[in-house]
Protein backbone atom coordinates (compact mmCIF):
# COMPACT_ATOMS: atom_id res chain seq x y z
CA MET A 1 -59.05 101.67 97.18
CA SER A 2 -56.11 99.64 97.65
CA THR A 3 -52.74 100.97 96.47
CA ALA A 4 -50.04 99.96 95.21
CA PRO A 5 -47.44 97.77 98.29
CA ALA A 6 -44.68 100.16 99.19
CA PHE A 7 -42.03 98.11 97.77
CA TYR A 8 -43.27 98.30 94.05
CA SER A 9 -45.11 100.73 92.26
CA ILE A 10 -46.81 98.71 90.18
CA GLY A 11 -50.03 96.16 91.58
CA SER A 12 -52.10 96.03 94.75
CA PRO A 13 -51.01 94.06 98.08
CA GLY A 14 -51.45 90.93 98.04
CA THR A 15 -52.91 90.98 95.24
CA PRO A 16 -50.93 88.80 91.25
CA TRP A 17 -50.56 91.07 88.81
CA GLY A 18 -53.57 90.94 85.84
CA ASP A 19 -53.34 92.50 82.35
CA VAL A 20 -53.72 95.15 83.32
CA GLU A 21 -50.80 95.74 85.83
CA ARG A 22 -48.57 93.54 82.79
CA ALA A 23 -50.10 96.37 80.01
CA GLU A 24 -48.71 98.77 82.78
CA TRP A 25 -45.65 97.29 83.59
CA LEU A 26 -44.40 96.72 79.73
CA SER A 27 -45.24 100.32 78.81
CA GLN A 28 -42.48 101.69 81.12
CA GLN A 29 -39.67 99.01 79.36
CA SER A 30 -37.77 100.85 76.63
CA ARG A 31 -35.21 99.41 74.73
CA GLN A 32 -31.43 100.60 75.86
CA ARG A 33 -29.06 98.17 73.93
CA SER A 34 -29.07 96.88 69.80
CA TYR A 35 -29.17 92.57 70.15
CA GLU A 36 -28.44 93.41 66.04
CA SER A 37 -24.90 95.69 66.86
CA GLU A 38 -23.73 94.18 69.68
CA VAL A 39 -24.56 89.77 69.10
CA LEU A 40 -25.90 89.39 66.04
CA SER A 41 -22.69 90.99 64.46
CA VAL A 42 -20.41 88.72 67.21
CA ILE A 43 -22.11 85.78 65.68
CA GLU A 44 -22.12 87.03 62.19
CA ARG A 45 -17.86 87.04 62.51
CA LEU A 46 -17.94 84.41 64.02
CA ARG A 47 -19.59 82.07 61.03
CA PRO A 48 -16.66 81.74 58.54
CA ARG A 49 -15.27 79.21 61.56
CA PHE A 50 -18.55 78.29 63.31
CA ASP A 51 -21.62 76.49 61.89
CA VAL A 52 -24.83 79.25 62.58
CA GLU A 53 -28.09 78.85 62.61
CA GLN A 54 -31.78 80.60 62.86
CA TYR A 55 -33.48 77.82 65.61
CA GLY A 56 -36.60 80.37 65.97
CA CYS A 57 -37.67 84.35 65.60
CA LEU A 58 -39.69 87.00 68.90
CA ASP A 59 -42.04 89.01 67.45
CA TYR A 60 -43.25 91.08 70.34
CA GLY A 61 -45.29 93.44 68.83
CA SER A 62 -42.84 95.60 65.95
CA ASP A 63 -40.00 93.82 67.01
CA SER A 64 -38.87 90.83 65.81
CA TYR A 65 -35.57 88.85 67.64
CA PRO A 66 -33.78 85.93 65.46
CA LEU A 67 -33.07 83.15 67.43
CA MET A 68 -29.36 82.44 66.45
CA ALA A 69 -26.94 79.52 67.51
CA ILE A 70 -23.18 78.50 67.36
CA ARG A 71 -22.33 74.48 66.29
CA SER A 72 -19.17 73.48 65.19
CA ARG A 73 -18.20 73.21 61.86
CA ASP A 74 -17.13 69.23 61.59
CA TRP A 75 -20.00 68.10 63.75
CA ARG A 76 -19.65 64.42 64.39
CA ASP A 77 -22.18 61.61 65.63
CA ASP A 78 -19.10 59.71 67.77
CA LEU A 79 -18.45 63.42 69.81
CA PRO A 80 -20.08 64.27 72.83
CA VAL A 81 -22.32 67.62 72.63
CA VAL A 82 -21.02 70.67 74.58
CA LEU A 83 -24.37 72.81 74.96
CA ILE A 84 -23.44 75.98 76.12
CA THR A 85 -25.99 79.21 77.02
CA GLY A 86 -26.04 82.87 77.99
CA GLY A 87 -28.73 85.57 77.74
CA VAL A 88 -31.18 83.23 79.60
CA HIS A 89 -32.17 86.48 81.57
CA GLY A 90 -30.98 89.55 79.21
CA TYR A 91 -29.56 91.68 81.61
CA GLU A 92 -27.28 89.49 82.98
CA THR A 93 -24.61 90.93 80.43
CA SER A 94 -21.63 88.93 80.83
CA GLY A 95 -23.40 85.73 80.07
CA VAL A 96 -23.70 86.84 76.55
CA HIS A 97 -20.89 88.51 75.97
CA GLY A 98 -18.29 85.17 77.54
CA ALA A 99 -20.49 82.74 75.79
CA LEU A 100 -19.53 84.49 73.02
CA GLN A 101 -15.88 85.11 74.02
CA PHE A 102 -15.85 81.61 74.43
CA VAL A 103 -16.14 80.73 71.46
CA ASP A 104 -14.11 83.10 69.70
CA GLN A 105 -10.89 82.68 71.60
CA HIS A 106 -11.22 78.28 72.55
CA GLY A 107 -14.23 76.88 70.43
CA ALA A 108 -11.56 75.78 68.25
CA ASP A 109 -9.62 74.14 70.66
CA TYR A 110 -12.38 71.32 70.70
CA ALA A 111 -12.54 71.25 67.17
CA GLY A 112 -12.94 67.07 66.61
CA ARG A 113 -12.78 66.10 70.42
CA ILE A 114 -16.70 68.18 71.25
CA ASN A 115 -19.87 68.83 69.13
CA LEU A 116 -20.08 72.22 70.51
CA LEU A 117 -23.85 73.93 70.70
CA VAL A 118 -24.17 77.36 71.78
CA ALA A 119 -26.99 79.81 72.20
CA PRO A 120 -25.24 82.73 72.97
CA CYS A 121 -28.21 85.09 73.21
CA VAL A 122 -31.56 83.12 74.33
CA SER A 123 -33.87 86.39 75.52
CA PRO A 124 -32.72 89.04 73.04
CA TRP A 125 -36.12 91.12 73.71
CA ALA A 126 -34.81 91.29 77.23
CA TYR A 127 -31.42 92.18 76.54
CA GLU A 128 -32.23 95.06 74.40
CA ARG A 129 -34.16 96.41 77.72
CA ILE A 130 -31.92 94.99 80.17
CA HIS A 131 -34.67 92.17 81.83
CA ARG A 132 -34.79 89.68 83.69
CA TRP A 133 -38.52 88.71 82.54
CA ASN A 134 -40.03 88.46 78.77
CA ALA A 135 -42.19 91.10 77.06
CA ASN A 136 -45.20 89.03 78.69
CA ALA A 137 -43.84 89.63 82.14
CA VAL A 138 -42.61 85.86 82.13
CA ASP A 139 -39.48 84.59 84.06
CA PRO A 140 -37.86 82.24 80.78
CA ASN A 141 -35.34 80.56 83.41
CA ARG A 142 -38.59 79.34 85.55
CA SER A 143 -40.00 77.96 81.90
CA PHE A 144 -37.88 75.01 80.61
CA GLN A 145 -41.01 72.93 80.84
CA GLU A 146 -43.43 71.20 77.89
CA GLY A 147 -46.37 73.37 77.36
CA SER A 148 -43.82 76.26 78.36
CA ALA A 149 -44.96 80.40 78.79
CA ALA A 150 -41.94 81.27 76.82
CA GLU A 151 -41.00 81.32 73.97
CA GLU A 152 -37.87 82.28 74.21
CA ALA A 153 -37.72 78.44 76.87
CA GLY A 154 -39.91 76.31 73.85
CA ALA A 155 -37.72 77.47 70.80
CA LEU A 156 -34.33 76.44 73.30
CA MET A 157 -36.28 73.14 74.12
CA ARG A 158 -36.33 72.10 70.23
CA LEU A 159 -33.64 72.93 69.10
CA VAL A 160 -31.27 71.20 72.00
CA ALA A 161 -34.27 68.06 71.75
CA PRO A 162 -32.31 66.30 69.33
CA ILE A 163 -29.12 66.25 71.43
CA GLY A 164 -30.71 66.47 75.31
CA ASP A 165 -29.93 62.47 76.00
CA HIS A 166 -26.25 63.09 74.43
CA ALA A 167 -25.50 66.02 76.06
CA LEU A 168 -21.95 65.55 77.91
CA MET A 169 -22.16 69.01 79.49
CA HIS A 170 -24.45 72.17 79.57
CA MET A 171 -23.37 74.71 81.09
CA ASP A 172 -25.69 78.10 81.87
CA LEU A 173 -24.16 81.60 82.20
CA HIS A 174 -26.07 83.58 84.54
CA GLU A 175 -25.29 87.36 86.43
CA THR A 176 -26.54 87.78 90.49
CA THR A 177 -26.84 91.23 90.35
CA ASP A 178 -27.55 94.30 92.66
CA THR A 179 -30.94 94.85 91.30
CA ASP A 180 -31.72 91.84 91.75
CA GLU A 181 -33.02 93.12 95.07
CA THR A 182 -33.64 96.38 94.35
CA GLU A 183 -35.76 95.31 91.18
CA PHE A 184 -36.34 92.16 89.98
CA ARG A 185 -36.98 90.15 93.54
CA PRO A 186 -39.32 92.93 94.67
CA ALA A 187 -41.46 92.80 90.78
CA LEU A 188 -41.47 89.73 91.02
CA ALA A 189 -43.01 89.90 94.69
CA ALA A 190 -45.80 92.48 93.02
CA ARG A 191 -46.47 90.60 90.42
CA ASP A 192 -47.01 87.35 91.79
CA GLY A 193 -49.24 88.93 94.70
CA LYS A 194 -46.45 88.30 97.24
CA PRO A 195 -44.93 89.75 100.59
CA PHE A 196 -41.04 90.93 99.18
CA GLU A 197 -38.54 89.45 101.58
CA PRO A 198 -35.39 91.61 101.06
CA GLY A 199 -32.45 89.27 100.96
CA GLU A 200 -28.37 89.93 100.62
CA ILE A 201 -26.59 90.15 97.24
CA PRO A 202 -23.76 87.51 97.33
CA ASP A 203 -20.38 89.41 96.88
CA GLY A 204 -18.90 87.01 93.88
CA PHE A 205 -18.69 84.21 91.90
CA TYR A 206 -20.90 81.52 92.87
CA LEU A 207 -22.66 77.93 91.16
CA VAL A 208 -25.65 76.06 91.11
CA ASP A 209 -25.54 72.57 90.77
CA ASP A 210 -27.97 69.40 90.76
CA SER A 211 -29.41 68.72 93.60
CA GLU A 212 -31.35 65.90 91.92
CA LYS A 213 -27.82 64.69 90.73
CA PRO A 214 -24.97 66.15 91.79
CA HIS A 215 -21.29 66.51 90.77
CA SER A 216 -19.32 68.35 92.73
CA ASP A 217 -15.62 67.58 92.03
CA PHE A 218 -17.47 69.02 88.67
CA GLN A 219 -18.25 72.00 90.86
CA GLN A 220 -15.26 72.46 92.67
CA ALA A 221 -12.81 72.59 89.11
CA VAL A 222 -14.56 75.24 87.78
CA ILE A 223 -14.71 76.66 91.32
CA GLU A 224 -10.81 77.04 91.50
CA ALA A 225 -10.41 77.93 87.38
CA VAL A 226 -12.73 80.79 87.76
CA GLU A 227 -11.08 82.05 91.33
CA LYS A 228 -8.17 82.96 88.97
CA VAL A 229 -10.14 85.76 87.50
CA THR A 230 -12.60 86.61 89.98
CA HIS A 231 -12.69 86.25 93.80
CA ILE A 232 -15.84 83.21 94.73
CA ALA A 233 -18.55 84.40 96.99
CA PRO A 234 -19.00 83.36 100.38
CA ALA A 235 -21.78 82.21 101.99
CA ASP A 236 -23.70 84.67 104.41
CA GLY A 237 -24.24 84.58 108.44
CA ASN A 238 -26.20 81.79 107.93
CA GLY A 239 -23.60 80.07 105.90
CA GLU A 240 -26.44 80.38 102.87
CA ILE A 241 -26.95 82.18 99.62
CA LEU A 242 -29.92 83.39 98.58
CA GLY A 243 -31.70 81.09 101.15
CA SER A 244 -29.99 77.81 100.02
CA PRO A 245 -27.08 76.22 102.59
CA MET A 246 -23.19 75.82 100.25
CA ALA A 247 -23.04 72.40 99.58
CA ALA A 248 -19.66 73.38 98.72
CA ARG A 249 -17.36 75.95 98.83
CA GLY A 250 -18.75 78.56 95.92
CA VAL A 251 -21.65 76.11 95.36
CA ILE A 252 -25.64 75.58 95.90
CA GLN A 253 -28.12 73.42 94.98
CA TYR A 254 -31.47 73.62 93.40
CA PRO A 255 -33.27 70.31 91.59
CA LEU A 256 -32.97 71.85 88.05
CA LYS A 257 -35.51 70.56 85.95
CA GLN A 258 -38.32 70.40 89.17
CA LEU A 259 -37.95 74.25 88.80
CA GLY A 260 -37.91 74.35 85.40
CA LEU A 261 -34.25 76.04 85.28
CA CYS A 262 -32.39 75.99 81.53
CA ALA A 263 -29.38 73.86 83.49
CA GLY A 264 -32.43 71.12 83.52
CA ILE A 265 -33.13 70.99 80.20
CA THR A 266 -30.64 68.11 79.07
CA ASN A 267 -29.67 64.47 81.24
CA ALA A 268 -26.12 65.85 80.89
CA ARG A 269 -23.89 64.22 83.13
CA TYR A 270 -22.49 67.32 84.38
CA LYS A 271 -24.72 70.40 84.51
CA THR A 272 -24.16 73.78 85.68
CA THR A 273 -25.11 77.27 85.90
CA THR A 274 -22.71 80.19 86.67
CA GLU A 275 -23.77 83.15 88.70
CA VAL A 276 -20.93 86.10 88.35
CA TYR A 277 -21.37 89.42 90.37
CA PRO A 278 -20.70 92.99 88.02
CA ASP A 279 -21.70 95.05 90.56
CA SER A 280 -18.62 94.24 92.93
CA PRO A 281 -16.19 96.68 93.41
CA ARG A 282 -13.10 94.13 92.71
CA ALA A 283 -14.81 92.95 89.24
CA THR A 284 -14.77 94.83 85.77
CA ALA A 285 -16.87 93.79 83.01
CA GLU A 286 -13.36 92.14 81.47
CA GLN A 287 -13.31 90.26 84.77
CA CYS A 288 -17.10 88.42 84.19
CA ASN A 289 -16.87 88.29 80.85
CA ASP A 290 -13.12 86.50 81.21
CA ALA A 291 -15.14 84.48 85.15
CA GLN A 292 -17.52 82.36 81.99
CA VAL A 293 -15.18 82.03 79.54
CA ALA A 294 -12.71 80.32 82.37
CA ALA A 295 -16.10 78.08 83.44
CA VAL A 296 -16.31 77.28 80.44
CA CYS A 297 -13.38 76.45 79.39
CA ALA A 298 -12.38 74.52 83.16
CA GLY A 299 -15.96 72.58 82.60
CA ILE A 300 -14.99 71.29 79.46
CA ASP A 301 -11.70 69.94 80.74
CA TYR A 302 -13.15 68.37 83.46
CA ALA A 303 -15.78 66.15 81.54
CA LEU A 304 -14.06 64.97 78.34
CA THR A 305 -11.19 63.47 81.66
CA HIS A 306 -14.00 61.81 83.40
CA ARG A 307 -16.37 60.86 80.86
């Protein structure tokens, strides 16, 4: 009889999870914070100044989660569209609260200059459980493809479809945490029946550009703005961040559409994924939120200047 791999408590070595293992994993997940009080209540407070809409609903057992988006009040077809997404990985807190903070503090600054569309918490079930996956042990941020296995991704793609060809910029707000190495990457390896290969978590902020359509000047404008708020991640001893070569200071590249990543869901000229490091002794939760806001503002300003 096989035993669970040493690096994770669920599954057998070399064997992908089936329904039994997924059910065992799900039974271990518990609600640790409130989407309603921490996210929906904030969105409601923005309603007097912005249009708010429900673009879907997630139903997991007895739990139901409305999916909410925030739009510019005076949407005009002649203006460029800026899409901001957060909470695709629900445990990445500053992605959610950074998006909401940007809308509250700076959304009105761009009135009459852009059409703003913000989906601040794409994965509310995972937000409450401080997890990377949804309730089916599926990673939404590898699921932004036709016939998606993640309803979180499918709902967002339906919301974005009408503006996908008109978007000037899309910024997807994320974090890289110590638990990526201690929990989420080991769980992924166990789920897929693969060996776990330890890595190194980068200490600081970095960006993920689109390797198929890179815009290095845009990425560097964001890096320079964020550096005033928090430190930028250096490369490791191999000149890499998380196994990817540095394309520029604080920037790596992935093929966004090919990997089914959220930042690839539009044809925006300027797109990037932010990665804040909340576990650094040199950063506070407030700094992480502020870094996300600085990134969004710098990205929009650059995109408007270089249309």
